[in-house]
Amino acid sequence: MKGRVVGHTGLEEETHVARLDNGLPVYVLPKPGYNKKYATFAVKYGSIDSRFRPPGSGVIEVPAGIAHFLEHKLFEQKKGNIFDDFAELGASANAYTTYTTTTYLFSTTDNFYECLRILLRFVQEPYFTDEEVAKEKSVIEQEIRMYEDMPEVRVGSNLMRALYHDHPVRVDVVGTVDSIRRITKEMLYTCYDTFYRPENMAVLVVGDVDPGRVFDEVAAATEFGGRRGGGDVERLFPDEPAHVKEERIVQDMVVAAPLLEIGFKDTADAASGTALLRREVATKVLLEAMFGKGSDIYTRLYEMGLIDEKFGAAYESELEFAASFVGGESKDPDRLHDLVMEHIEKTKMSGLEEAAVERARRKLMGEFVFLFNSPERMAYRFNSYLFKGIDPFSYAEALGGLTADDVLTRLREHLDRSRHAVSIIRPKGNQ
């Protein structure tokens, strides 16, 4: 089977694309000479998809954490654990669930097509029993309790609870102990049948492979048990206020030094595709210019002993929510918070230096080009954009077309004190 070939301006890369008769899109990014081969089977279904209306059905609401639970259970087949099958072929397999997607993957240097068949087969063959579901609950409950004891996880989780009133993003991807206990075998099958359909999934292969053979292998191995078409799933989300739920959450934990994370709640009004990408690129350049290791504020804070090398900023953008995050470990989180907010307000008045914007843009462009040396990073970036309607390779074009005025506009509209919240983890015993 032949797909179409898409070249990418300014990059010595190409993507081979095919959409199978069952609606499943398949992408191959050839990397001649690379020993490692990497494949993913992703589904547009994540932790925030807890309330939905399948085609021709009523509204269904399921417990938080069920997407992650389902990811775990798919590796357990009637004949045993799928990890063993990959290991016998010398491959390493894994999976991860985010707020919006679930991705199954493997990497290998040998036996690639055998591994690809295993990946395609097990994701299409759910096997859930009451006994195995009950057993998995105790496993995931331990995982949840482990995360609850990790300060670097809690500081971020608490911040999402502060930023959001009702949106399911305020609940951790793994769910809660209470929500996990309410999951049933029937719920798992309902979610699987609703979202694990070819038109809602994608296969991606990166490595030194024959694209035509990949297309043929995937076409031969993806029957989906007859599940295909039927219309789009309606994902239902509550009306989320623009303002934050809480301005500040402080938690005491066993930690050597305090942790601070500042969040800025973004509007979720950008369309998918180009508009969403431009907003993301402008925000990432903004955060790098203002808080990156090359910025004046970073140097000043570091010399004051308020931050270490882990201090940084990030932006998370999806179709239904978006937010920026600034922070790290600090001996005086309240002082650090005050100085960060002061820096933001001063920069709004004085404007961003073009040199700082250019430095940030060059750094992000370098990181983008570096992705092509890593099949794993390429695949992660590709999948993160795919279900948002973004061409991953248009990132360079969007970055190149950005101006200092665009970044300043983004600063003034996004880093708004009225839409920010603070999460602090203090060492136990602090007052």
Protein backbone atom coordinates (compact mmCIF):
# COMPACT_ATOMS: atom_id res chain seq x y z
CA MET A 1 0.00 0.00 0.00
CA LYS A 2 1.27 3.46 -0.88
CA GLY A 3 0.64 6.59 1.09
CA ARG A 4 1.28 10.19 0.20
CA VAL A 5 4.64 11.76 0.97
CA VAL A 6 4.80 15.14 2.68
CA GLY A 7 8.03 17.12 2.58
CA HIS A 8 8.80 19.77 5.16
CA THR A 9 10.27 23.10 4.09
CA GLY A 10 13.67 23.82 5.62
CA LEU A 11 13.97 20.37 7.14
CA GLU A 12 15.53 17.27 5.64
CA GLU A 13 12.57 15.23 6.80
CA GLU A 14 9.48 13.76 5.21
CA THR A 15 6.34 12.07 6.44
CA HIS A 16 4.57 9.20 4.68
CA VAL A 17 0.84 9.31 5.41
CA ALA A 18 -2.01 6.91 4.70
CA ARG A 19 -5.59 6.69 5.90
CA LEU A 20 -6.82 3.12 5.87
CA ASP A 21 -10.26 2.06 4.65
CA ASN A 22 -11.38 1.69 8.28
CA GLY A 23 -10.52 5.35 8.96
CA LEU A 24 -7.27 4.79 10.88
CA PRO A 25 -4.50 7.30 9.99
CA VAL A 26 -0.96 5.92 9.80
CA TYR A 27 2.20 8.06 9.78
CA VAL A 28 5.75 6.96 9.04
CA LEU A 29 8.76 9.20 9.66
CA PRO A 30 11.68 7.42 7.95
CA LYS A 31 15.08 7.73 9.64
CA PRO A 32 17.57 5.94 7.35
CA GLY A 33 20.56 4.56 9.20
CA TYR A 34 18.97 4.67 12.66
CA ASN A 35 19.23 1.42 14.61
CA LYS A 36 16.33 2.11 16.95
CA LYS A 37 12.78 1.86 15.66
CA TYR A 38 9.88 3.34 17.57
CA ALA A 39 6.14 2.85 17.18
CA THR A 40 3.08 4.24 18.93
CA PHE A 41 -0.62 3.43 18.84
CA ALA A 42 -2.44 6.45 20.25
CA VAL A 43 -6.06 7.21 21.02
CA LYS A 44 -7.69 10.59 21.53
CA TYR A 45 -8.95 9.69 24.97
CA GLY A 46 -7.57 10.96 28.25
CA SER A 47 -8.39 11.62 31.86
CA ILE A 48 -10.61 14.65 31.23
CA ASP A 49 -12.98 12.59 29.05
CA SER A 50 -15.08 11.47 31.98
CA ARG A 51 -18.43 12.75 30.70
CA PHE A 52 -19.47 12.08 27.12
CA ARG A 53 -22.28 11.17 24.77
CA PRO A 54 -21.54 8.36 22.28
CA PRO A 55 -23.33 8.52 18.91
CA GLY A 56 -26.98 7.53 19.33
CA SER A 57 -26.68 7.24 23.10
CA GLY A 58 -27.42 9.23 26.22
CA VAL A 59 -24.89 11.00 28.42
CA ILE A 60 -22.42 8.73 30.21
CA GLU A 61 -20.38 9.76 33.22
CA VAL A 62 -17.55 7.60 34.55
CA PRO A 63 -15.19 7.89 37.55
CA ALA A 64 -12.03 9.97 37.30
CA GLY A 65 -8.93 7.96 36.41
CA ILE A 66 -10.68 5.40 34.23
CA ALA A 67 -8.64 6.20 31.09
CA HIS A 68 -5.42 5.47 32.98
CA PHE A 69 -6.98 2.36 34.54
CA LEU A 70 -7.95 1.13 31.06
CA GLU A 71 -4.40 1.71 29.84
CA HIS A 72 -3.10 -0.57 32.60
CA LYS A 73 -5.64 -3.30 31.93
CA LEU A 74 -5.01 -3.57 28.19
CA PHE A 75 -1.57 -5.02 28.90
CA GLU A 76 -3.23 -7.91 30.73
CA GLN A 77 -4.46 -10.43 28.18
CA LYS A 78 -6.15 -13.79 28.67
CA LYS A 79 -2.91 -15.62 27.90
CA GLY A 80 -0.72 -13.39 30.08
CA ASN A 81 1.11 -10.11 30.28
CA ILE A 82 1.98 -8.43 26.99
CA PHE A 83 5.24 -7.03 28.37
CA ASP A 84 6.60 -10.59 28.31
CA ASP A 85 5.87 -10.90 24.57
CA PHE A 86 7.85 -7.74 23.81
CA ALA A 87 10.70 -8.75 26.09
CA GLU A 88 11.09 -12.10 24.30
CA LEU A 89 11.72 -10.15 21.08
CA GLY A 90 14.22 -7.81 22.70
CA ALA A 91 11.84 -4.83 22.70
CA SER A 92 10.88 -2.38 25.41
CA ALA A 93 7.16 -1.53 25.70
CA ASN A 94 5.31 1.08 27.69
CA ALA A 95 2.25 3.34 27.72
CA TYR A 96 1.16 6.65 29.18
CA THR A 97 -2.07 8.52 29.74
CA THR A 98 -2.37 12.31 29.72
CA TYR A 99 -5.29 14.64 30.23
CA THR A 100 -6.30 14.15 26.56
CA THR A 101 -4.63 11.07 25.08
CA THR A 102 -3.54 7.51 25.77
CA THR A 103 -0.48 6.17 23.96
CA TYR A 104 0.88 2.62 23.72
CA LEU A 105 4.43 2.23 22.42
CA PHE A 106 7.51 0.12 21.96
CA SER A 107 11.10 0.62 20.86
CA THR A 108 13.41 -1.99 19.42
CA THR A 109 16.44 -2.55 17.23
CA ASP A 110 15.36 -6.00 16.01
CA ASN A 111 12.16 -7.89 15.16
CA PHE A 112 10.36 -4.64 14.43
CA TYR A 113 7.43 -6.00 12.41
CA GLU A 114 6.77 -8.81 14.88
CA CYS A 115 6.64 -6.18 17.64
CA LEU A 116 4.37 -3.96 15.55
CA ARG A 117 1.89 -6.82 15.17
CA ILE A 118 1.87 -7.38 18.94
CA LEU A 119 1.23 -3.68 19.56
CA LEU A 120 -1.61 -3.54 17.07
CA ARG A 121 -3.16 -6.77 18.33
CA PHE A 122 -3.22 -6.22 22.08
CA VAL A 123 -4.62 -2.68 21.88
CA GLN A 124 -7.56 -4.13 19.93
CA GLU A 125 -8.20 -7.03 22.31
CA PRO A 126 -9.56 -5.87 25.67
CA TYR A 127 -9.91 -8.56 28.28
CA PHE A 128 -11.49 -7.47 31.54
CA THR A 129 -12.78 -9.69 34.35
CA ASP A 130 -14.25 -8.73 37.70
CA GLU A 131 -11.40 -10.46 39.50
CA GLU A 132 -8.64 -8.73 37.49
CA VAL A 133 -10.33 -5.32 37.81
CA ALA A 134 -10.50 -5.75 41.59
CA LYS A 135 -6.82 -6.71 41.67
CA GLU A 136 -5.84 -3.69 39.58
CA LYS A 137 -7.65 -1.33 41.94
CA SER A 138 -5.22 -2.16 44.72
CA VAL A 139 -2.26 -1.64 42.37
CA ILE A 140 -3.43 1.78 41.21
CA GLU A 141 -4.46 2.77 44.73
CA GLN A 142 -0.85 2.22 45.77
CA GLU A 143 0.28 4.32 42.79
CA ILE A 144 -2.07 7.14 43.82
CA ARG A 145 -0.81 7.05 47.41
CA MET A 146 2.78 7.11 46.14
CA TYR A 147 2.05 10.27 44.14
CA GLU A 148 0.34 11.82 47.16
CA ASP A 149 3.65 11.46 49.03
CA MET A 150 5.71 13.13 46.27
CA PRO A 151 6.07 16.89 46.91
CA GLU A 152 6.98 17.67 43.29
CA VAL A 153 3.71 16.04 42.19
CA ARG A 154 1.57 17.56 44.92
CA VAL A 155 2.69 21.11 44.22
CA GLY A 156 1.42 20.82 40.64
CA SER A 157 -1.75 18.92 41.53
CA ASN A 158 -2.69 21.47 44.18
CA LEU A 159 -2.12 24.25 41.67
CA MET A 160 -4.57 22.72 39.19
CA ARG A 161 -7.16 22.49 41.96
CA ALA A 162 -6.57 26.16 42.71
CA LEU A 163 -6.81 27.27 39.07
CA TYR A 164 -9.91 25.32 38.04
CA HIS A 165 -13.39 25.28 39.56
CA ASP A 166 -15.15 22.37 37.82
CA HIS A 167 -13.10 21.30 34.81
CA PRO A 168 -11.92 17.66 35.16
CA VAL A 169 -8.33 18.79 34.61
CA ARG A 170 -8.33 19.67 38.32
CA VAL A 171 -8.26 15.93 39.11
CA ASP A 172 -5.02 13.98 38.70
CA VAL A 173 -4.76 11.73 35.63
CA VAL A 174 -4.66 8.65 37.88
CA GLY A 175 -7.89 9.69 39.63
CA THR A 176 -8.50 9.40 43.35
CA VAL A 177 -8.71 6.40 45.67
CA ASP A 178 -12.48 6.88 45.86
CA SER A 179 -12.98 7.20 42.10
CA ILE A 180 -10.83 4.15 41.33
CA ARG A 181 -12.86 2.01 43.73
CA ARG A 182 -16.03 2.79 41.73
CA ILE A 183 -14.67 1.49 38.40
CA THR A 184 -16.30 -1.66 37.05
CA LYS A 185 -15.57 -4.07 34.23
CA GLU A 186 -18.66 -2.82 32.40
CA MET A 187 -17.45 0.80 32.60
CA LEU A 188 -14.11 -0.20 31.10
CA TYR A 189 -15.79 -1.90 28.15
CA THR A 190 -18.07 1.12 27.64
CA CYS A 191 -15.12 3.51 27.50
CA TYR A 192 -13.13 1.18 25.30
CA ASP A 193 -15.97 0.68 22.80
CA THR A 194 -16.66 4.42 22.73
CA PHE A 195 -13.15 5.77 22.16
CA TYR A 196 -10.99 2.94 20.82
CA ARG A 197 -12.21 3.30 17.25
CA PRO A 198 -9.95 3.65 14.21
CA GLU A 199 -11.07 7.17 13.32
CA ASN A 200 -10.23 8.28 16.89
CA MET A 201 -6.76 6.70 16.89
CA ALA A 202 -3.47 6.91 15.02
CA VAL A 203 -0.39 4.78 14.38
CA LEU A 204 3.04 6.40 14.16
CA VAL A 205 6.34 4.74 13.25
CA VAL A 206 9.75 6.42 13.42
CA GLY A 207 12.88 4.67 12.19
CA ASP A 208 14.64 2.97 9.31
CA VAL A 209 11.60 1.14 7.94
CA ASP A 210 9.79 0.64 4.64
CA PRO A 211 6.70 2.90 4.76
CA GLY A 212 4.79 0.73 2.28
CA ARG A 213 5.30 -2.37 4.36
CA VAL A 214 4.25 -0.52 7.54
CA PHE A 215 1.00 0.52 5.85
CA ASP A 216 0.37 -3.05 4.71
CA GLU A 217 1.10 -4.50 8.15
CA VAL A 218 -1.20 -2.03 9.89
CA ALA A 219 -3.99 -2.54 7.35
CA ALA A 220 -3.80 -6.30 7.80
CA ALA A 221 -3.80 -6.15 11.59
CA THR A 222 -6.45 -3.54 12.44
CA GLU A 223 -9.94 -4.98 12.31
CA PHE A 224 -11.13 -3.25 15.51
CA GLY A 225 -13.77 -5.93 15.99
CA GLY A 226 -16.06 -4.10 13.62
CA ARG A 227 -15.94 -0.87 15.67
CA ARG A 228 -15.67 1.97 13.20
CA GLY A 229 -17.53 5.07 12.09
CA GLY A 230 -20.91 5.90 13.60
CA GLY A 231 -20.20 9.57 14.22
CA ASP A 232 -18.10 11.56 16.66
CA VAL A 233 -18.23 11.19 20.41
CA GLU A 234 -19.50 14.36 22.09
CA ARG A 235 -17.16 15.24 24.95
CA LEU A 236 -18.99 17.19 27.63
CA PHE A 237 -17.27 19.72 29.86
CA PRO A 238 -18.67 22.12 32.45
CA ASP A 239 -18.69 25.87 31.89
CA GLU A 240 -15.45 26.95 33.51
CA PRO A 241 -15.18 30.51 34.90
CA ALA A 242 -12.26 32.62 33.69
CA HIS A 243 -11.17 33.46 37.25
CA VAL A 244 -9.36 31.00 39.50
CA LYS A 245 -11.04 28.96 42.22
CA GLU A 246 -8.47 29.69 44.93
CA GLU A 247 -5.60 32.15 44.97
CA ARG A 248 -3.34 30.09 47.18
CA ILE A 249 -2.95 26.53 48.44
CA VAL A 250 -0.27 25.66 50.99
CA GLN A 251 0.52 22.11 52.09
CA ASP A 252 3.04 20.89 54.65
CA MET A 253 5.05 17.80 53.69
CA VAL A 254 8.33 16.10 54.46
CA VAL A 255 10.59 18.07 52.14
CA ALA A 256 14.10 19.52 52.46
CA ALA A 257 13.17 22.94 51.04
CA PRO A 258 9.92 24.67 50.09
CA LEU A 259 8.48 24.34 46.59
CA LEU A 260 6.63 27.08 44.74
CA GLU A 261 4.56 26.87 41.59
CA ILE A 262 2.72 29.86 40.14
CA GLY A 263 -0.01 29.20 37.60
CA PHE A 264 -1.71 31.49 35.07
CA LYS A 265 -5.04 30.25 33.82
CA ASP A 266 -5.42 30.80 30.08
CA THR A 267 -8.58 31.13 28.09
CA ALA A 268 -9.61 28.08 26.09
CA ASP A 269 -10.97 29.99 23.12
CA ALA A 270 -8.31 29.24 20.51
CA ALA A 271 -9.40 26.98 17.70
CA SER A 272 -7.45 23.86 16.88
CA GLY A 273 -4.72 23.90 14.28
CA THR A 274 -2.83 27.04 13.33
CA ALA A 275 -4.47 29.38 15.86
CA LEU A 276 -3.68 27.04 18.74
CA LEU A 277 -0.10 26.53 17.56
CA ARG A 278 0.56 30.26 17.22
CA ARG A 279 -0.69 30.88 20.73
CA GLU A 280 1.47 28.06 22.07
CA VAL A 281 4.60 29.26 20.28
CA ALA A 282 4.11 32.87 21.41
CA THR A 283 3.63 31.75 25.01
CA LYS A 284 6.69 29.48 25.03
CA VAL A 285 8.88 32.24 23.60
CA LEU A 286 7.45 34.63 26.19
CA LEU A 287 8.22 32.31 29.11
CA GLU A 288 11.72 31.56 27.85
CA ALA A 289 12.49 35.26 27.29
CA MET A 290 11.21 36.23 30.72
CA PHE A 291 12.30 33.31 32.91
CA GLY A 292 14.83 31.23 30.97
CA LYS A 293 18.38 30.70 32.20
CA GLY A 294 19.56 33.50 29.91
CA SER A 295 17.19 36.07 31.41
CA ASP A 296 18.22 38.85 33.79
CA ILE A 297 15.62 37.81 36.36
CA TYR A 298 16.97 34.26 36.47
CA THR A 299 20.49 35.56 37.16
CA ARG A 300 19.25 37.95 39.84
CA LEU A 301 17.12 35.35 41.61
CA TYR A 302 19.92 32.80 41.46
CA GLU A 303 22.45 35.24 42.93
CA MET A 304 19.98 36.07 45.72
CA GLY A 305 19.82 32.36 46.57
CA LEU A 306 16.08 32.25 45.93
CA ILE A 307 16.23 29.66 43.13
CA ASP A 308 18.42 26.84 41.89
CA GLU A 309 18.95 25.37 38.42
CA LYS A 310 15.56 23.60 38.55
CA PHE A 311 13.67 26.91 38.38
CA GLY A 312 11.78 27.27 35.12
CA ALA A 313 8.57 27.93 33.27
CA ALA A 314 6.30 25.84 31.04
CA TYR A 315 3.05 26.07 29.11
CA GLU A 316 0.43 23.35 28.67
CA SER A 317 -2.11 23.88 25.93
CA GLU A 318 -5.00 21.67 24.90
CA LEU A 319 -8.28 22.26 23.09
CA GLU A 320 -10.25 22.54 26.32
CA PHE A 321 -7.79 24.18 28.70
CA ALA A 322 -4.42 25.90 28.89
CA ALA A 323 -2.16 27.31 31.59
CA SER A 324 1.38 28.54 32.21
CA PHE A 325 3.53 27.54 35.15
CA VAL A 326 6.53 29.23 36.79
CA GLY A 327 8.45 28.00 39.81
CA GLY A 328 10.82 25.65 41.52
CA GLU A 329 12.50 25.08 44.86
CA SER A 330 13.09 28.17 46.99
CA LYS A 331 14.11 28.94 50.56
CA ASP A 332 11.60 31.83 50.54
CA PRO A 333 8.66 31.01 48.24
CA ASP A 334 6.65 34.09 49.21
CA ARG A 335 9.54 36.41 48.36
CA LEU A 336 10.10 34.55 45.10
CA HIS A 337 6.42 34.88 44.22
CA ASP A 338 6.49 38.62 44.88
CA LEU A 339 9.57 39.14 42.70
CA VAL A 340 8.16 37.08 39.82
CA MET A 341 4.91 39.06 39.84
CA GLU A 342 6.83 42.33 40.09
CA HIS A 343 8.96 41.31 37.10
CA ILE A 344 5.84 40.56 35.07
CA GLU A 345 4.23 43.92 35.81
CA LYS A 346 7.42 45.86 35.08
CA THR A 347 7.89 44.06 31.78
CA LYS A 348 4.32 44.86 30.76
CA MET A 349 5.16 48.53 31.20
CA SER A 350 8.67 48.58 29.73
CA GLY A 351 8.22 45.98 27.02
CA LEU A 352 10.36 43.00 26.09
CA GLU A 353 13.81 43.48 24.66
CA GLU A 354 13.99 42.25 21.08
CA ALA A 355 17.32 40.59 21.87
CA ALA A 356 15.66 38.53 24.62
CA VAL A 357 12.85 37.47 22.29
CA GLU A 358 15.33 36.53 19.57
CA ARG A 359 17.44 34.55 22.02
CA ALA A 360 14.37 32.66 23.19
CA ARG A 361 13.25 31.97 19.64
CA ARG A 362 16.67 30.63 18.67
CA LYS A 363 16.76 28.36 21.68
CA LEU A 364 13.32 26.90 20.93
CA MET A 365 14.25 26.44 17.27
CA GLY A 366 17.40 24.58 18.32
CA GLU A 367 15.37 22.32 20.61
CA PHE A 368 12.93 21.64 17.77
CA VAL A 369 15.68 20.65 15.34
CA PHE A 370 17.30 18.49 18.04
CA LEU A 371 14.06 16.47 18.27
CA PHE A 372 14.90 14.81 14.97
CA ASN A 373 17.84 13.03 16.59
CA SER A 374 15.52 11.24 19.00
CA PRO A 375 12.74 8.94 17.72
CA GLU A 376 11.10 9.03 21.16
CA ARG A 377 10.99 12.82 21.33
CA MET A 378 9.84 13.09 17.74
CA ALA A 379 7.01 10.68 18.42
CA TYR A 380 5.96 12.42 21.62
CA ARG A 381 5.83 15.84 19.92
CA PHE A 382 4.05 14.40 16.89
CA ASN A 383 1.36 12.70 18.97
CA SER A 384 0.91 15.72 21.23
CA TYR A 385 -0.04 17.83 18.19
CA LEU A 386 -1.82 15.27 16.06
CA PHE A 387 -5.19 15.20 17.82
CA LYS A 388 -5.22 18.99 18.15
CA GLY A 389 -5.30 19.41 14.39
CA ILE A 390 -1.73 20.75 14.28
CA ASP A 391 0.88 19.83 11.70
CA PRO A 392 3.90 19.14 13.95
CA PHE A 393 6.29 20.35 11.27
CA SER A 394 4.63 23.77 11.04
CA TYR A 395 6.17 24.60 14.42
CA ALA A 396 9.30 26.02 12.79
CA GLU A 397 7.25 28.25 10.49
CA ALA A 398 5.13 29.56 13.37
CA LEU A 399 8.27 30.24 15.40
CA GLY A 400 9.97 32.02 12.53
CA GLY A 401 6.99 34.30 11.91
CA LEU A 402 6.75 35.49 15.50
CA THR A 403 7.52 39.14 16.33
CA ALA A 404 8.46 40.87 19.58
CA ASP A 405 5.11 42.68 19.44
CA ASP A 406 3.31 39.32 19.24
CA VAL A 407 5.09 38.17 22.37
CA LEU A 408 4.39 41.41 24.25
CA THR A 409 0.71 41.17 23.34
CA ARG A 410 0.70 37.62 24.67
CA LEU A 411 2.32 38.79 27.91
CA ARG A 412 -0.32 41.43 28.52
CA GLU A 413 -3.28 39.20 27.78
CA HIS A 414 -2.10 36.02 29.49
CA LEU A 415 0.09 36.70 32.54
CA ASP A 416 -2.77 38.38 34.35
CA ARG A 417 -2.61 38.72 38.12
CA SER A 418 -6.38 38.25 38.36
CA ARG A 419 -6.10 34.80 36.75
CA HIS A 420 -3.15 33.48 38.69
CA ALA A 421 -2.85 31.14 41.66
CA VAL A 422 -0.02 29.92 43.88
CA SER A 423 0.81 26.47 45.23
CA ILE A 424 3.41 26.07 47.96
CA ILE A 425 4.79 22.97 49.67
CA ARG A 426 6.39 23.82 53.01
CA PRO A 427 8.57 21.59 55.18
CA LYS A 428 6.56 20.15 58.04
CA GLY A 429 6.94 22.22 61.17
CA ASN A 430 7.15 25.55 59.29
CA GLN A 431 4.82 28.28 60.42
